[in-house]
Amino acid sequence: MASALFLSVDLDEWYLARWATGASGSVWPDLDSLFQEVYGGSEPAGELIPPVQQILGFFDEIGFKSTFFVTGVIAGYYPDLVREIADRGHEIACHNFRHIDYATVPEAEFRADLTRSKAMLEDLSRRVVIG
């Protein structure tokens, strides 16, 4: 009996969690203040790259293609990584622009973020984003 494996990868970093920056009552009011306090700069340190490289290497070894859900924020910090994922034949899917509680913002803001993220991901991956 043949079996199938379906697996998607959610490309996030810890600072996008709602407890950190994504909701009212978060530890930091925004990414800028978090990056200043934690990293002493204006962007993340790149902790995401090594594990994604390991995942991509493993997928290459077993001949597996997956869907990687990426936020616009992550794509902005790691455009080369998004391109590499797409170039290796994986689907890039949109995980909106930010990791916030979208139930607390107007629908127009949600739609604007989604549109901006989708366009950014399509530009980086050179493919239509449908996921």
N, C-alpha and C. Protein backbone atom coordinates (compact mmCIF):
# COMPACT_ATOMS: atom_id res chain seq x y z
N MET A 1 0.85 -1.18 0.00
CA MET A 1 0.00 0.00 0.00
C MET A 1 0.90 1.24 0.00
N ALA A 2 0.66 2.13 -0.92
CA ALA A 2 1.42 3.37 -1.01
C ALA A 2 0.92 4.36 0.03
N SER A 3 1.83 5.13 0.53
CA SER A 3 1.43 6.17 1.48
C SER A 3 1.96 7.51 0.98
N ALA A 4 1.35 8.56 1.43
CA ALA A 4 1.74 9.91 1.03
C ALA A 4 2.07 10.72 2.27
N LEU A 5 2.99 11.61 2.11
CA LEU A 5 3.37 12.51 3.19
C LEU A 5 3.08 13.93 2.76
N PHE A 6 2.36 14.63 3.57
CA PHE A 6 2.09 16.04 3.34
C PHE A 6 2.64 16.81 4.53
N LEU A 7 3.45 17.79 4.26
CA LEU A 7 4.10 18.54 5.32
C LEU A 7 4.30 19.96 4.86
N SER A 8 3.97 20.90 5.71
CA SER A 8 4.27 22.30 5.40
C SER A 8 5.20 22.83 6.48
N VAL A 9 5.91 23.88 6.13
CA VAL A 9 6.85 24.50 7.05
C VAL A 9 6.39 25.92 7.29
N ASP A 10 6.25 26.29 8.54
CA ASP A 10 5.84 27.62 8.95
C ASP A 10 7.12 28.39 9.29
N LEU A 11 7.52 29.30 8.44
CA LEU A 11 8.78 30.02 8.63
C LEU A 11 8.56 31.21 9.56
N ASP A 12 8.87 31.02 10.82
CA ASP A 12 8.70 32.06 11.84
C ASP A 12 9.92 32.11 12.72
N GLU A 13 10.06 33.23 13.40
CA GLU A 13 11.05 33.34 14.45
C GLU A 13 10.32 33.72 15.73
N TRP A 14 10.95 33.46 16.83
CA TRP A 14 10.32 33.61 18.14
C TRP A 14 9.76 35.00 18.38
N TYR A 15 10.39 36.02 17.86
CA TYR A 15 9.97 37.39 18.15
C TYR A 15 8.66 37.77 17.47
N LEU A 16 8.15 36.91 16.57
CA LEU A 16 6.85 37.18 15.95
C LEU A 16 5.69 36.59 16.74
N ALA A 17 5.98 35.86 17.80
CA ALA A 17 4.92 35.28 18.63
C ALA A 17 4.11 36.40 19.28
N ARG A 18 2.86 36.14 19.47
CA ARG A 18 1.98 37.16 20.04
C ARG A 18 2.44 37.61 21.42
N TRP A 19 3.02 36.72 22.20
CA TRP A 19 3.48 37.12 23.54
C TRP A 19 4.64 38.10 23.45
N ALA A 20 5.41 38.04 22.35
CA ALA A 20 6.58 38.90 22.21
C ALA A 20 6.23 40.26 21.63
N THR A 21 5.56 40.26 20.45
CA THR A 21 5.29 41.54 19.78
C THR A 21 3.94 41.60 19.08
N GLY A 22 3.17 40.51 19.06
CA GLY A 22 2.02 40.47 18.17
C GLY A 22 0.65 40.76 18.73
N ALA A 23 0.56 41.23 19.97
CA ALA A 23 -0.77 41.47 20.54
C ALA A 23 -0.68 42.53 21.63
N SER A 24 -1.83 43.03 22.03
CA SER A 24 -1.82 43.95 23.16
C SER A 24 -1.32 43.18 24.37
N GLY A 25 -0.51 43.80 25.18
CA GLY A 25 0.05 43.14 26.34
C GLY A 25 1.32 42.35 26.05
N SER A 26 1.83 42.44 24.82
CA SER A 26 3.08 41.77 24.48
C SER A 26 4.23 42.35 25.29
N VAL A 27 5.30 41.61 25.41
CA VAL A 27 6.47 42.05 26.15
C VAL A 27 7.06 43.32 25.53
N TRP A 28 7.17 43.36 24.20
CA TRP A 28 7.69 44.53 23.49
C TRP A 28 6.58 45.13 22.65
N PRO A 29 6.51 46.45 22.55
CA PRO A 29 5.43 47.07 21.78
C PRO A 29 5.59 46.90 20.27
N ASP A 30 6.82 46.66 19.80
CA ASP A 30 7.06 46.51 18.37
C ASP A 30 8.41 45.83 18.14
N LEU A 31 8.67 45.48 16.88
CA LEU A 31 9.92 44.79 16.55
C LEU A 31 11.14 45.67 16.77
N ASP A 32 11.02 46.96 16.49
CA ASP A 32 12.17 47.84 16.65
C ASP A 32 12.68 47.84 18.09
N SER A 33 11.77 47.95 19.05
CA SER A 33 12.21 47.97 20.45
C SER A 33 12.75 46.61 20.87
N LEU A 34 12.16 45.54 20.38
CA LEU A 34 12.68 44.20 20.68
C LEU A 34 14.09 44.03 20.13
N PHE A 35 14.30 44.37 18.86
CA PHE A 35 15.62 44.20 18.25
C PHE A 35 16.67 45.03 18.97
N GLN A 36 16.32 46.24 19.36
CA GLN A 36 17.28 47.08 20.09
C GLN A 36 17.66 46.42 21.42
N GLU A 37 16.67 45.96 22.15
CA GLU A 37 16.94 45.39 23.47
C GLU A 37 17.64 44.03 23.39
N VAL A 38 17.19 43.17 22.50
CA VAL A 38 17.71 41.80 22.45
C VAL A 38 18.97 41.68 21.61
N TYR A 39 18.99 42.33 20.44
CA TYR A 39 20.10 42.17 19.51
C TYR A 39 21.02 43.39 19.43
N GLY A 40 20.62 44.48 20.07
CA GLY A 40 21.44 45.68 20.02
C GLY A 40 21.52 46.30 18.64
N GLY A 41 20.49 46.09 17.84
CA GLY A 41 20.48 46.63 16.48
C GLY A 41 19.08 46.78 15.96
N SER A 42 18.96 46.77 14.64
CA SER A 42 17.65 47.03 14.04
C SER A 42 17.07 45.83 13.29
N GLU A 43 17.70 44.65 13.45
CA GLU A 43 17.18 43.45 12.78
C GLU A 43 17.59 42.20 13.54
N PRO A 44 16.99 41.07 13.17
CA PRO A 44 17.31 39.82 13.87
C PRO A 44 18.73 39.34 13.56
N ALA A 45 19.19 38.40 14.36
CA ALA A 45 20.56 37.88 14.24
C ALA A 45 20.69 36.76 13.22
N GLY A 46 19.59 36.29 12.67
CA GLY A 46 19.66 35.25 11.64
C GLY A 46 19.56 33.84 12.16
N GLU A 47 18.99 33.66 13.34
CA GLU A 47 18.85 32.31 13.90
C GLU A 47 18.04 31.37 13.01
N LEU A 48 17.23 31.92 12.15
CA LEU A 48 16.35 31.12 11.30
C LEU A 48 17.11 30.38 10.20
N ILE A 49 18.20 30.93 9.74
CA ILE A 49 18.89 30.39 8.57
C ILE A 49 19.42 28.97 8.76
N PRO A 50 20.19 28.66 9.82
CA PRO A 50 20.73 27.29 9.94
C PRO A 50 19.67 26.19 9.97
N PRO A 51 18.59 26.32 10.76
CA PRO A 51 17.61 25.22 10.74
C PRO A 51 16.89 25.08 9.39
N VAL A 52 16.65 26.19 8.71
CA VAL A 52 16.01 26.10 7.39
C VAL A 52 16.96 25.43 6.40
N GLN A 53 18.24 25.74 6.48
CA GLN A 53 19.22 25.07 5.62
C GLN A 53 19.23 23.56 5.89
N GLN A 54 19.12 23.17 7.14
CA GLN A 54 19.07 21.74 7.48
C GLN A 54 17.82 21.09 6.90
N ILE A 55 16.69 21.75 7.04
CA ILE A 55 15.43 21.22 6.51
C ILE A 55 15.53 21.08 4.99
N LEU A 56 16.04 22.11 4.32
CA LEU A 56 16.18 22.05 2.86
C LEU A 56 17.12 20.93 2.44
N GLY A 57 18.20 20.76 3.16
CA GLY A 57 19.12 19.67 2.85
C GLY A 57 18.47 18.31 3.01
N PHE A 58 17.72 18.14 4.10
CA PHE A 58 17.01 16.88 4.32
C PHE A 58 15.99 16.63 3.23
N PHE A 59 15.21 17.66 2.88
CA PHE A 59 14.23 17.50 1.82
C PHE A 59 14.90 17.14 0.49
N ASP A 60 16.06 17.74 0.22
CA ASP A 60 16.80 17.39 -1.00
C ASP A 60 17.22 15.92 -0.97
N GLU A 61 17.71 15.46 0.18
CA GLU A 61 18.17 14.06 0.31
C GLU A 61 17.07 13.06 0.02
N ILE A 62 15.85 13.37 0.47
CA ILE A 62 14.76 12.42 0.30
C ILE A 62 13.88 12.73 -0.91
N GLY A 63 14.23 13.78 -1.65
CA GLY A 63 13.46 14.14 -2.85
C GLY A 63 12.06 14.64 -2.53
N PHE A 64 11.93 15.41 -1.47
CA PHE A 64 10.64 15.86 -0.98
C PHE A 64 10.45 17.34 -1.25
N LYS A 65 9.26 17.70 -1.71
CA LYS A 65 8.91 19.11 -1.90
C LYS A 65 7.81 19.48 -0.92
N SER A 66 7.88 20.69 -0.41
CA SER A 66 6.95 21.12 0.62
C SER A 66 6.44 22.53 0.32
N THR A 67 5.53 22.96 1.16
CA THR A 67 5.04 24.33 1.14
C THR A 67 5.62 25.06 2.34
N PHE A 68 6.24 26.20 2.09
CA PHE A 68 6.80 27.03 3.16
C PHE A 68 5.92 28.27 3.31
N PHE A 69 5.26 28.38 4.44
CA PHE A 69 4.44 29.55 4.73
C PHE A 69 5.34 30.64 5.32
N VAL A 70 5.36 31.80 4.66
CA VAL A 70 6.29 32.86 5.02
C VAL A 70 5.52 34.16 5.24
N THR A 71 5.84 34.86 6.32
CA THR A 71 5.28 36.19 6.52
C THR A 71 6.09 37.20 5.72
N GLY A 72 5.48 38.32 5.42
CA GLY A 72 6.21 39.38 4.75
C GLY A 72 7.37 39.90 5.58
N VAL A 73 7.20 39.93 6.89
CA VAL A 73 8.28 40.38 7.77
C VAL A 73 9.50 39.48 7.60
N ILE A 74 9.30 38.17 7.64
CA ILE A 74 10.41 37.22 7.49
C ILE A 74 11.02 37.37 6.09
N ALA A 75 10.19 37.50 5.08
CA ALA A 75 10.70 37.67 3.71
C ALA A 75 11.55 38.93 3.60
N GLY A 76 11.16 39.97 4.31
CA GLY A 76 11.94 41.20 4.30
C GLY A 76 13.31 41.05 4.92
N TYR A 77 13.40 40.26 5.97
CA TYR A 77 14.69 40.03 6.63
C TYR A 77 15.54 38.99 5.92
N TYR A 78 14.90 38.04 5.23
CA TYR A 78 15.62 36.93 4.61
C TYR A 78 15.22 36.72 3.15
N PRO A 79 15.34 37.73 2.31
CA PRO A 79 14.91 37.56 0.91
C PRO A 79 15.68 36.47 0.17
N ASP A 80 16.97 36.35 0.45
CA ASP A 80 17.77 35.32 -0.23
C ASP A 80 17.31 33.92 0.16
N LEU A 81 16.88 33.75 1.40
CA LEU A 81 16.39 32.45 1.86
C LEU A 81 15.08 32.10 1.16
N VAL A 82 14.20 33.07 1.01
CA VAL A 82 12.93 32.84 0.31
C VAL A 82 13.21 32.45 -1.14
N ARG A 83 14.13 33.15 -1.79
CA ARG A 83 14.50 32.81 -3.17
C ARG A 83 15.06 31.39 -3.25
N GLU A 84 15.92 31.05 -2.31
CA GLU A 84 16.53 29.71 -2.32
C GLU A 84 15.47 28.62 -2.15
N ILE A 85 14.53 28.82 -1.25
CA ILE A 85 13.46 27.84 -1.04
C ILE A 85 12.69 27.63 -2.35
N ALA A 86 12.32 28.73 -2.98
CA ALA A 86 11.59 28.64 -4.26
C ALA A 86 12.44 28.01 -5.34
N ASP A 87 13.71 28.40 -5.42
CA ASP A 87 14.60 27.86 -6.44
C ASP A 87 14.82 26.36 -6.29
N ARG A 88 14.66 25.85 -5.08
CA ARG A 88 14.80 24.41 -4.85
C ARG A 88 13.50 23.66 -5.15
N GLY A 89 12.49 24.38 -5.62
CA GLY A 89 11.26 23.75 -6.07
C GLY A 89 10.15 23.65 -5.05
N HIS A 90 10.30 24.33 -3.94
CA HIS A 90 9.24 24.31 -2.91
C HIS A 90 8.26 25.44 -3.17
N GLU A 91 7.04 25.24 -2.72
CA GLU A 91 6.02 26.28 -2.84
C GLU A 91 6.23 27.32 -1.75
N ILE A 92 6.12 28.59 -2.13
CA ILE A 92 6.10 29.68 -1.16
C ILE A 92 4.64 30.07 -0.99
N ALA A 93 4.17 30.05 0.24
CA ALA A 93 2.79 30.43 0.54
C ALA A 93 2.80 31.62 1.50
N CYS A 94 1.73 32.38 1.48
CA CYS A 94 1.63 33.62 2.24
C CYS A 94 1.07 33.36 3.64
N HIS A 95 1.78 33.83 4.62
CA HIS A 95 1.36 33.72 6.03
C HIS A 95 1.07 35.12 6.58
N ASN A 96 0.53 35.97 5.72
CA ASN A 96 0.26 37.38 5.92
C ASN A 96 1.55 38.14 6.15
N PHE A 97 1.44 39.41 6.47
CA PHE A 97 2.66 40.23 6.57
C PHE A 97 3.29 40.15 7.95
N ARG A 98 2.46 40.21 8.95
CA ARG A 98 2.95 40.19 10.33
C ARG A 98 2.26 39.08 11.10
N HIS A 99 2.80 38.75 12.22
CA HIS A 99 2.17 37.79 13.12
C HIS A 99 1.54 38.58 14.24
N ILE A 100 0.37 39.10 13.96
CA ILE A 100 -0.35 39.85 14.98
C ILE A 100 -1.73 39.24 15.13
N ASP A 101 -2.43 39.71 16.12
CA ASP A 101 -3.81 39.29 16.31
C ASP A 101 -4.68 40.12 15.38
N TYR A 102 -4.91 39.60 14.18
CA TYR A 102 -5.66 40.36 13.17
C TYR A 102 -7.12 40.56 13.55
N ALA A 103 -7.58 39.87 14.57
CA ALA A 103 -8.95 40.10 15.03
C ALA A 103 -9.08 41.47 15.69
N THR A 104 -7.95 42.09 16.03
CA THR A 104 -7.99 43.37 16.73
C THR A 104 -7.74 44.57 15.82
N VAL A 105 -7.58 44.33 14.51
CA VAL A 105 -7.34 45.44 13.58
C VAL A 105 -8.47 45.49 12.56
N PRO A 106 -8.66 46.64 11.95
CA PRO A 106 -9.71 46.74 10.93
C PRO A 106 -9.44 45.78 9.75
N GLU A 107 -10.52 45.32 9.13
CA GLU A 107 -10.39 44.39 8.01
C GLU A 107 -9.54 44.99 6.89
N ALA A 108 -9.63 46.28 6.67
CA ALA A 108 -8.85 46.92 5.61
C ALA A 108 -7.34 46.78 5.88
N GLU A 109 -6.94 46.84 7.13
CA GLU A 109 -5.52 46.66 7.48
C GLU A 109 -5.08 45.22 7.22
N PHE A 110 -5.96 44.27 7.58
CA PHE A 110 -5.68 42.86 7.31
C PHE A 110 -5.47 42.65 5.82
N ARG A 111 -6.40 43.15 5.01
CA ARG A 111 -6.32 42.97 3.56
C ARG A 111 -5.09 43.66 2.97
N ALA A 112 -4.77 44.84 3.45
CA ALA A 112 -3.59 45.56 2.95
C ALA A 112 -2.32 44.78 3.27
N ASP A 113 -2.22 44.25 4.48
CA ASP A 113 -1.05 43.44 4.85
C ASP A 113 -0.95 42.18 3.99
N LEU A 114 -2.08 41.54 3.77
CA LEU A 114 -2.09 40.32 2.96
C LEU A 114 -1.66 40.61 1.52
N THR A 115 -2.19 41.67 0.96
CA THR A 115 -1.84 42.05 -0.40
C THR A 115 -0.37 42.39 -0.52
N ARG A 116 0.15 43.14 0.45
CA ARG A 116 1.57 43.53 0.44
C ARG A 116 2.47 42.30 0.57
N SER A 117 2.11 41.39 1.46
CA SER A 117 2.92 40.18 1.66
C SER A 117 2.90 39.30 0.42
N LYS A 118 1.73 39.10 -0.15
CA LYS A 118 1.62 38.25 -1.35
C LYS A 118 2.47 38.82 -2.48
N ALA A 119 2.41 40.12 -2.70
CA ALA A 119 3.20 40.75 -3.77
C ALA A 119 4.69 40.60 -3.50
N MET A 120 5.11 40.76 -2.27
CA MET A 120 6.52 40.63 -1.91
C MET A 120 7.00 39.20 -2.16
N LEU A 121 6.20 38.22 -1.74
CA LEU A 121 6.58 36.82 -1.91
C LEU A 121 6.61 36.42 -3.38
N GLU A 122 5.69 36.95 -4.17
CA GLU A 122 5.69 36.66 -5.61
C GLU A 122 6.92 37.26 -6.27
N ASP A 123 7.30 38.44 -5.86
CA ASP A 123 8.49 39.08 -6.42
C ASP A 123 9.74 38.26 -6.09
N LEU A 124 9.85 37.81 -4.84
CA LEU A 124 11.04 37.06 -4.42
C LEU A 124 11.10 35.68 -5.04
N SER A 125 9.96 35.00 -5.09
CA SER A 125 9.94 33.63 -5.58
C SER A 125 9.82 33.54 -7.11
N ARG A 126 9.42 34.63 -7.73
CA ARG A 126 9.18 34.68 -9.17
C ARG A 126 8.09 33.67 -9.57
N ARG A 127 7.13 33.50 -8.68
CA ARG A 127 5.99 32.61 -8.93
C ARG A 127 4.72 33.22 -8.35
N VAL A 128 3.60 32.81 -8.89
CA VAL A 128 2.32 33.22 -8.32
C VAL A 128 2.13 32.50 -6.99
N VAL A 129 1.79 33.26 -5.97
CA VAL A 129 1.53 32.68 -4.65
C VAL A 129 0.04 32.39 -4.54
N ILE A 130 -0.29 31.12 -4.37
CA ILE A 130 -1.70 30.75 -4.25
C ILE A 130 -2.04 30.22 -2.86
N GLY A 131 -1.05 29.84 -2.12
CA GLY A 131 -1.28 29.29 -0.77
C GLY A 131 -1.30 30.37 0.27
